[in-house]
N, C-alpha and C. Protein backbone atom coordinates (compact mmCIF):
# COMPACT_ATOMS: atom_id res chain seq x y z
N UNK A 1 139.47 100.65 59.97
CA UNK A 1 139.20 101.35 61.21
C UNK A 1 137.77 101.05 61.65
N UNK A 2 137.60 100.70 62.89
CA UNK A 2 136.26 100.40 63.38
C UNK A 2 135.49 101.67 63.67
N UNK A 3 134.18 101.53 63.69
CA UNK A 3 133.30 102.67 63.97
C UNK A 3 133.55 103.18 65.38
N UNK A 4 133.63 104.48 65.51
CA UNK A 4 133.85 105.09 66.81
C UNK A 4 132.63 104.88 67.69
N UNK A 5 132.86 104.47 68.92
CA UNK A 5 131.77 104.22 69.86
C UNK A 5 131.12 105.53 70.30
N UNK A 6 129.82 105.46 70.51
CA UNK A 6 129.11 106.59 71.10
C UNK A 6 129.49 106.66 72.57
N UNK A 7 129.86 107.84 73.00
CA UNK A 7 130.25 108.05 74.39
C UNK A 7 129.11 108.69 75.17
N UNK A 8 128.35 109.52 74.49
CA UNK A 8 127.27 110.27 75.12
C UNK A 8 125.95 109.82 74.53
N UNK A 9 124.99 109.52 75.37
CA UNK A 9 123.69 109.06 74.90
C UNK A 9 122.81 110.26 74.56
N UNK A 10 123.01 110.79 73.36
CA UNK A 10 122.28 111.98 72.91
C UNK A 10 120.79 111.70 72.85
N UNK A 11 120.41 110.53 72.38
CA UNK A 11 118.99 110.18 72.27
C UNK A 11 118.30 110.27 73.63
N UNK A 12 118.92 109.70 74.65
CA UNK A 12 118.34 109.74 75.99
C UNK A 12 118.26 111.18 76.52
N UNK A 13 119.29 111.96 76.28
CA UNK A 13 119.28 113.36 76.71
C UNK A 13 118.13 114.10 76.03
N UNK A 14 117.96 113.87 74.73
CA UNK A 14 116.89 114.55 73.99
C UNK A 14 115.51 114.08 74.44
N UNK A 15 115.37 112.79 74.71
CA UNK A 15 114.07 112.24 75.14
C UNK A 15 113.64 112.79 76.50
N UNK A 16 114.60 113.14 77.35
CA UNK A 16 114.29 113.63 78.69
C UNK A 16 114.22 115.16 78.77
N UNK A 17 114.25 115.83 77.64
CA UNK A 17 114.18 117.28 77.62
C UNK A 17 112.89 117.73 78.31
N UNK A 18 112.99 118.64 79.28
CA UNK A 18 111.81 119.00 80.07
C UNK A 18 110.77 119.86 79.36
N UNK A 19 111.16 120.60 78.33
CA UNK A 19 110.18 121.43 77.64
C UNK A 19 110.68 121.82 76.26
N UNK A 20 109.80 122.42 75.48
CA UNK A 20 110.14 122.81 74.11
C UNK A 20 111.13 123.96 74.05
N UNK A 21 111.31 124.70 75.13
CA UNK A 21 112.23 125.84 75.11
C UNK A 21 113.66 125.45 75.48
N UNK A 22 113.90 124.17 75.72
CA UNK A 22 115.25 123.70 76.03
C UNK A 22 116.16 123.91 74.83
N UNK A 23 117.32 124.53 75.07
CA UNK A 23 118.25 124.82 73.97
C UNK A 23 119.60 124.15 74.14
N UNK A 24 120.00 123.84 75.38
CA UNK A 24 121.33 123.30 75.65
C UNK A 24 121.26 122.27 76.78
N UNK A 25 122.36 121.53 76.92
CA UNK A 25 122.48 120.56 78.01
C UNK A 25 123.92 120.58 78.52
N UNK A 26 124.09 120.75 79.83
CA UNK A 26 125.42 120.70 80.45
C UNK A 26 125.74 119.25 80.80
N UNK A 27 126.77 118.72 80.17
CA UNK A 27 127.12 117.32 80.39
C UNK A 27 127.64 117.06 81.80
N UNK A 28 128.50 117.92 82.31
CA UNK A 28 129.10 117.68 83.62
C UNK A 28 128.09 117.82 84.75
N UNK A 29 127.22 118.80 84.66
CA UNK A 29 126.24 119.03 85.73
C UNK A 29 124.93 118.30 85.48
N UNK A 30 124.82 117.71 84.30
CA UNK A 30 123.63 116.95 83.91
C UNK A 30 122.36 117.78 84.10
N UNK A 31 122.35 118.96 83.47
CA UNK A 31 121.17 119.81 83.59
C UNK A 31 120.85 120.47 82.25
N UNK A 32 119.58 120.74 82.08
CA UNK A 32 119.08 121.36 80.85
C UNK A 32 119.09 122.87 80.99
N UNK A 33 119.33 123.54 79.86
CA UNK A 33 119.39 124.99 79.82
C UNK A 33 118.45 125.53 78.76
N UNK A 34 118.03 126.75 78.96
CA UNK A 34 117.23 127.45 77.97
C UNK A 34 117.80 128.86 77.81
N UNK A 35 118.19 129.20 76.60
CA UNK A 35 118.71 130.52 76.28
C UNK A 35 117.64 131.23 75.48
N UNK A 36 117.10 132.32 76.04
CA UNK A 36 116.00 133.00 75.34
C UNK A 36 116.53 134.03 74.34
N UNK A 37 115.63 134.63 73.59
CA UNK A 37 116.02 135.55 72.52
C UNK A 37 116.66 136.83 73.06
N UNK A 38 116.49 137.12 74.34
CA UNK A 38 117.12 138.29 74.96
C UNK A 38 118.49 137.96 75.54
N UNK A 39 118.92 136.72 75.41
CA UNK A 39 120.21 136.31 75.93
C UNK A 39 120.20 135.88 77.39
N UNK A 40 119.03 135.77 77.98
CA UNK A 40 118.94 135.30 79.37
C UNK A 40 119.02 133.78 79.38
N UNK A 41 119.77 133.26 80.35
CA UNK A 41 119.98 131.83 80.46
C UNK A 41 119.22 131.30 81.67
N UNK A 42 118.52 130.20 81.46
CA UNK A 42 117.74 129.55 82.51
C UNK A 42 118.20 128.11 82.65
N UNK A 43 118.14 127.59 83.86
CA UNK A 43 118.46 126.20 84.14
C UNK A 43 117.19 125.52 84.65
N UNK A 44 116.98 124.28 84.23
CA UNK A 44 115.79 123.54 84.64
C UNK A 44 115.99 122.99 86.04
N UNK A 45 115.03 123.24 86.91
CA UNK A 45 115.04 122.73 88.28
C UNK A 45 114.04 121.58 88.36
N UNK A 46 114.54 120.36 88.56
CA UNK A 46 113.67 119.19 88.67
C UNK A 46 112.79 119.24 89.91
N UNK A 47 113.29 119.82 90.97
CA UNK A 47 112.54 119.90 92.22
C UNK A 47 111.27 120.73 92.05
N UNK A 48 111.42 121.89 91.42
CA UNK A 48 110.29 122.80 91.24
C UNK A 48 109.57 122.63 89.90
N UNK A 49 110.14 121.81 89.03
CA UNK A 49 109.63 121.69 87.66
C UNK A 49 109.44 123.06 87.02
N UNK A 50 110.53 123.85 87.09
CA UNK A 50 110.47 125.21 86.56
C UNK A 50 111.85 125.65 86.09
N UNK A 51 111.85 126.63 85.20
CA UNK A 51 113.09 127.24 84.73
C UNK A 51 113.50 128.34 85.70
N UNK A 52 114.76 128.35 86.12
CA UNK A 52 115.28 129.36 87.03
C UNK A 52 116.37 130.14 86.30
N UNK A 53 116.30 131.46 86.38
CA UNK A 53 117.31 132.27 85.71
C UNK A 53 118.66 132.08 86.39
N UNK A 54 119.71 131.99 85.61
CA UNK A 54 121.06 131.82 86.14
C UNK A 54 121.92 133.00 85.71
N UNK A 55 122.90 133.33 86.51
CA UNK A 55 123.78 134.45 86.18
C UNK A 55 125.05 134.01 85.47
N UNK A 56 125.29 132.71 85.39
CA UNK A 56 126.48 132.21 84.71
C UNK A 56 126.28 132.30 83.20
N UNK A 57 127.13 133.05 82.50
CA UNK A 57 127.01 133.10 81.04
C UNK A 57 127.28 131.73 80.41
N UNK A 58 126.58 131.45 79.34
CA UNK A 58 126.70 130.14 78.69
C UNK A 58 128.13 129.86 78.24
N UNK A 59 128.84 130.86 77.73
CA UNK A 59 130.20 130.63 77.22
C UNK A 59 131.21 130.31 78.32
N UNK A 60 130.82 130.46 79.58
CA UNK A 60 131.72 130.13 80.68
C UNK A 60 131.63 128.65 81.07
N UNK A 61 130.80 127.91 80.42
CA UNK A 61 130.65 126.48 80.70
C UNK A 61 131.29 125.66 79.59
N UNK A 62 132.03 124.64 79.97
CA UNK A 62 132.55 123.69 78.99
C UNK A 62 131.63 122.48 78.97
N UNK A 63 131.75 121.69 77.93
CA UNK A 63 130.97 120.47 77.76
C UNK A 63 129.47 120.73 77.80
N UNK A 64 129.05 121.66 76.96
CA UNK A 64 127.64 121.99 76.81
C UNK A 64 127.20 121.60 75.40
N UNK A 65 126.12 120.85 75.31
CA UNK A 65 125.55 120.51 74.00
C UNK A 65 124.62 121.62 73.55
N UNK A 66 124.76 122.03 72.31
CA UNK A 66 123.87 123.02 71.70
C UNK A 66 122.94 122.26 70.77
N UNK A 67 121.66 122.13 71.15
CA UNK A 67 120.72 121.32 70.39
C UNK A 67 120.49 121.86 68.98
N UNK A 68 120.42 123.17 68.80
CA UNK A 68 120.20 123.74 67.47
C UNK A 68 121.37 123.43 66.55
N UNK A 69 122.59 123.52 67.07
CA UNK A 69 123.77 123.21 66.27
C UNK A 69 123.83 121.72 65.95
N UNK A 70 123.48 120.88 66.91
CA UNK A 70 123.42 119.43 66.65
C UNK A 70 122.43 119.13 65.53
N UNK A 71 121.26 119.76 65.58
CA UNK A 71 120.24 119.52 64.56
C UNK A 71 120.66 120.04 63.19
N UNK A 72 121.30 121.19 63.17
CA UNK A 72 121.66 121.84 61.90
C UNK A 72 122.89 121.22 61.24
N UNK A 73 123.95 120.99 62.03
CA UNK A 73 125.22 120.55 61.45
C UNK A 73 125.59 119.11 61.78
N UNK A 74 124.95 118.54 62.79
CA UNK A 74 125.27 117.17 63.18
C UNK A 74 126.29 117.08 64.30
N UNK A 75 126.80 118.23 64.76
CA UNK A 75 127.74 118.22 65.87
C UNK A 75 127.61 119.51 66.67
N UNK A 76 128.19 119.49 67.87
CA UNK A 76 128.19 120.66 68.75
C UNK A 76 129.60 120.89 69.25
N UNK A 77 130.04 122.14 69.22
CA UNK A 77 131.32 122.50 69.84
C UNK A 77 131.13 122.42 71.35
N UNK A 78 132.05 121.75 72.05
CA UNK A 78 131.88 121.57 73.49
C UNK A 78 132.99 122.21 74.32
N UNK A 79 133.98 122.82 73.67
CA UNK A 79 135.05 123.49 74.40
C UNK A 79 136.39 123.29 73.74
N UNK A 80 137.39 123.97 74.30
CA UNK A 80 138.77 123.86 73.82
C UNK A 80 139.47 122.70 74.50
N UNK A 81 140.42 122.09 73.79
CA UNK A 81 141.32 121.12 74.38
C UNK A 81 142.63 121.22 73.62
N UNK A 82 143.73 121.35 74.32
CA UNK A 82 145.03 121.50 73.65
C UNK A 82 145.27 120.36 72.67
N UNK A 83 145.76 120.71 71.49
CA UNK A 83 146.05 119.72 70.45
C UNK A 83 147.29 118.91 70.84
N UNK A 84 147.22 117.60 70.71
CA UNK A 84 148.36 116.75 71.06
C UNK A 84 149.45 116.81 70.00
N UNK A 85 149.14 117.37 68.83
CA UNK A 85 150.13 117.45 67.76
C UNK A 85 150.84 118.81 67.76
N UNK A 86 150.08 119.90 67.58
CA UNK A 86 150.71 121.23 67.48
C UNK A 86 150.62 122.02 68.79
N UNK A 87 149.90 121.51 69.76
CA UNK A 87 149.78 122.06 71.12
C UNK A 87 149.06 123.40 71.21
N UNK A 88 148.33 123.81 70.16
CA UNK A 88 147.54 125.03 70.27
C UNK A 88 146.49 124.86 71.36
N UNK A 89 146.38 125.81 72.27
CA UNK A 89 145.38 125.68 73.33
C UNK A 89 144.01 126.25 72.94
N UNK A 90 143.96 127.05 71.87
CA UNK A 90 142.72 127.78 71.59
C UNK A 90 142.11 127.52 70.24
N UNK A 91 142.68 126.68 69.42
CA UNK A 91 142.06 126.42 68.12
C UNK A 91 141.85 124.93 67.90
N UNK A 92 141.84 124.19 68.98
CA UNK A 92 141.56 122.76 68.95
C UNK A 92 140.30 122.55 69.79
N UNK A 93 139.31 121.95 69.17
CA UNK A 93 137.98 121.87 69.78
C UNK A 93 137.56 120.43 70.04
N UNK A 94 136.78 120.25 71.09
CA UNK A 94 136.10 118.99 71.34
C UNK A 94 134.74 119.11 70.67
N UNK A 95 134.45 118.18 69.77
CA UNK A 95 133.18 118.17 69.03
C UNK A 95 132.40 116.92 69.41
N UNK A 96 131.11 117.11 69.66
CA UNK A 96 130.23 115.99 70.00
C UNK A 96 129.21 115.86 68.89
N UNK A 97 129.13 114.68 68.29
CA UNK A 97 128.21 114.42 67.19
C UNK A 97 126.83 114.04 67.68
N UNK A 98 125.86 114.18 66.79
CA UNK A 98 124.47 113.86 67.18
C UNK A 98 124.29 112.38 67.50
N UNK A 99 125.26 111.55 67.10
CA UNK A 99 125.21 110.13 67.42
C UNK A 99 125.95 109.80 68.72
N UNK A 100 126.49 110.83 69.39
CA UNK A 100 127.17 110.62 70.66
C UNK A 100 128.66 110.39 70.56
N UNK A 101 129.20 110.41 69.36
CA UNK A 101 130.63 110.26 69.19
C UNK A 101 131.33 111.57 69.52
N UNK A 102 132.56 111.47 70.00
CA UNK A 102 133.34 112.64 70.38
C UNK A 102 134.67 112.60 69.63
N UNK A 103 135.07 113.76 69.10
CA UNK A 103 136.38 113.90 68.46
C UNK A 103 137.02 115.20 68.93
N UNK A 104 138.34 115.24 68.87
CA UNK A 104 139.08 116.48 69.07
C UNK A 104 139.56 116.88 67.68
N UNK A 105 139.26 118.11 67.30
CA UNK A 105 139.60 118.57 65.96
C UNK A 105 140.38 119.88 66.07
N UNK A 106 141.60 119.88 65.51
CA UNK A 106 142.46 121.06 65.56
C UNK A 106 142.33 121.83 64.25
N UNK A 107 141.92 123.07 64.36
CA UNK A 107 141.76 123.90 63.17
C UNK A 107 143.08 124.50 62.73
N UNK A 108 144.14 124.43 63.58
CA UNK A 108 145.47 124.93 63.20
C UNK A 108 146.22 123.91 62.33
N UNK A 109 146.34 122.69 62.82
CA UNK A 109 147.12 121.69 62.07
C UNK A 109 146.25 120.73 61.26
N UNK A 110 144.93 120.79 61.45
CA UNK A 110 144.02 119.96 60.67
C UNK A 110 143.85 118.54 61.18
N UNK A 111 144.44 118.23 62.29
CA UNK A 111 144.36 116.87 62.83
C UNK A 111 143.04 116.64 63.56
N UNK A 112 142.44 115.48 63.34
CA UNK A 112 141.23 115.07 64.05
C UNK A 112 141.54 113.77 64.78
N UNK A 113 141.26 113.76 66.06
CA UNK A 113 141.57 112.60 66.90
C UNK A 113 140.27 112.06 67.49
N UNK A 114 139.94 110.81 67.19
CA UNK A 114 138.75 110.21 67.80
C UNK A 114 138.96 110.01 69.30
N UNK A 115 137.91 110.21 70.05
CA UNK A 115 137.96 110.01 71.50
C UNK A 115 137.23 108.71 71.80
N UNK A 116 137.95 107.78 72.41
CA UNK A 116 137.39 106.48 72.76
C UNK A 116 136.88 106.52 74.19
N UNK A 117 135.93 105.65 74.54
CA UNK A 117 135.39 105.65 75.91
C UNK A 117 136.48 105.53 76.98
N UNK A 118 137.54 104.80 76.70
CA UNK A 118 138.60 104.57 77.68
C UNK A 118 139.36 105.85 78.05
N UNK A 119 139.37 106.84 77.16
CA UNK A 119 140.11 108.07 77.45
C UNK A 119 139.20 109.27 77.70
N UNK A 120 137.88 109.08 77.61
CA UNK A 120 136.94 110.18 77.72
C UNK A 120 137.06 110.92 79.06
N UNK A 121 137.19 110.21 80.17
CA UNK A 121 137.28 110.87 81.48
C UNK A 121 138.47 111.81 81.54
N UNK A 122 139.60 111.38 81.02
CA UNK A 122 140.79 112.24 81.00
C UNK A 122 140.62 113.44 80.09
N UNK A 123 139.98 113.24 78.96
CA UNK A 123 139.73 114.34 78.02
C UNK A 123 138.81 115.36 78.67
N UNK A 124 137.75 114.90 79.33
CA UNK A 124 136.79 115.81 79.98
C UNK A 124 137.49 116.75 80.95
N UNK A 125 138.47 116.24 81.68
CA UNK A 125 139.17 117.06 82.67
C UNK A 125 139.96 118.18 82.01
N UNK A 126 140.37 118.00 80.76
CA UNK A 126 141.18 119.00 80.07
C UNK A 126 140.40 119.98 79.22
N UNK A 127 139.08 119.79 79.11
CA UNK A 127 138.28 120.68 78.26
C UNK A 127 138.08 122.02 78.95
N UNK A 128 138.33 123.09 78.20
CA UNK A 128 138.17 124.46 78.71
C UNK A 128 136.98 125.12 78.03
N UNK A 129 136.32 126.00 78.75
CA UNK A 129 135.20 126.73 78.17
C UNK A 129 135.72 127.75 77.17
N UNK A 130 134.81 128.29 76.39
CA UNK A 130 135.22 129.27 75.38
C UNK A 130 135.55 130.63 75.98
N UNK A 131 135.36 130.81 77.27
CA UNK A 131 135.80 132.04 77.91
C UNK A 131 137.19 131.88 78.53
N UNK A 132 137.71 130.65 78.55
CA UNK A 132 139.04 130.37 79.13
C UNK A 132 140.14 130.50 78.09
N UNK A 133 140.17 131.59 77.37
CA UNK A 133 141.19 131.80 76.35
C UNK A 133 142.36 132.53 76.99
N UNK A 134 143.55 131.99 76.79
CA UNK A 134 144.75 132.59 77.41
C UNK A 134 145.18 133.82 76.65
């Protein structure tokens, strides 16, 4: 089996982090987030070069990189995606590794499916946030 290709350029995302308080990155909106110790979420505004408080809870966003989790475990949970084997909608996760590789991992049936660049766009469309539990 060949090495899984990096789909997401984690290094570039990390190099462009606007400040030391950056904690997350939204892949779809291409924006940096900061979650403070009080649970307030801020989004980085390139125009103003400032953090702006947002009312959208972090768990309502899919495809968000958690930098602390990436550093600690080597991967970040990015949302739910229905398992192609057992079809569970809520216990199959999209995981993004610190090297930019993406896998779908089902905690119900134990199946792990590598995500290749050719299918990434389709997978992204099916990812649900952690608040989208049926």
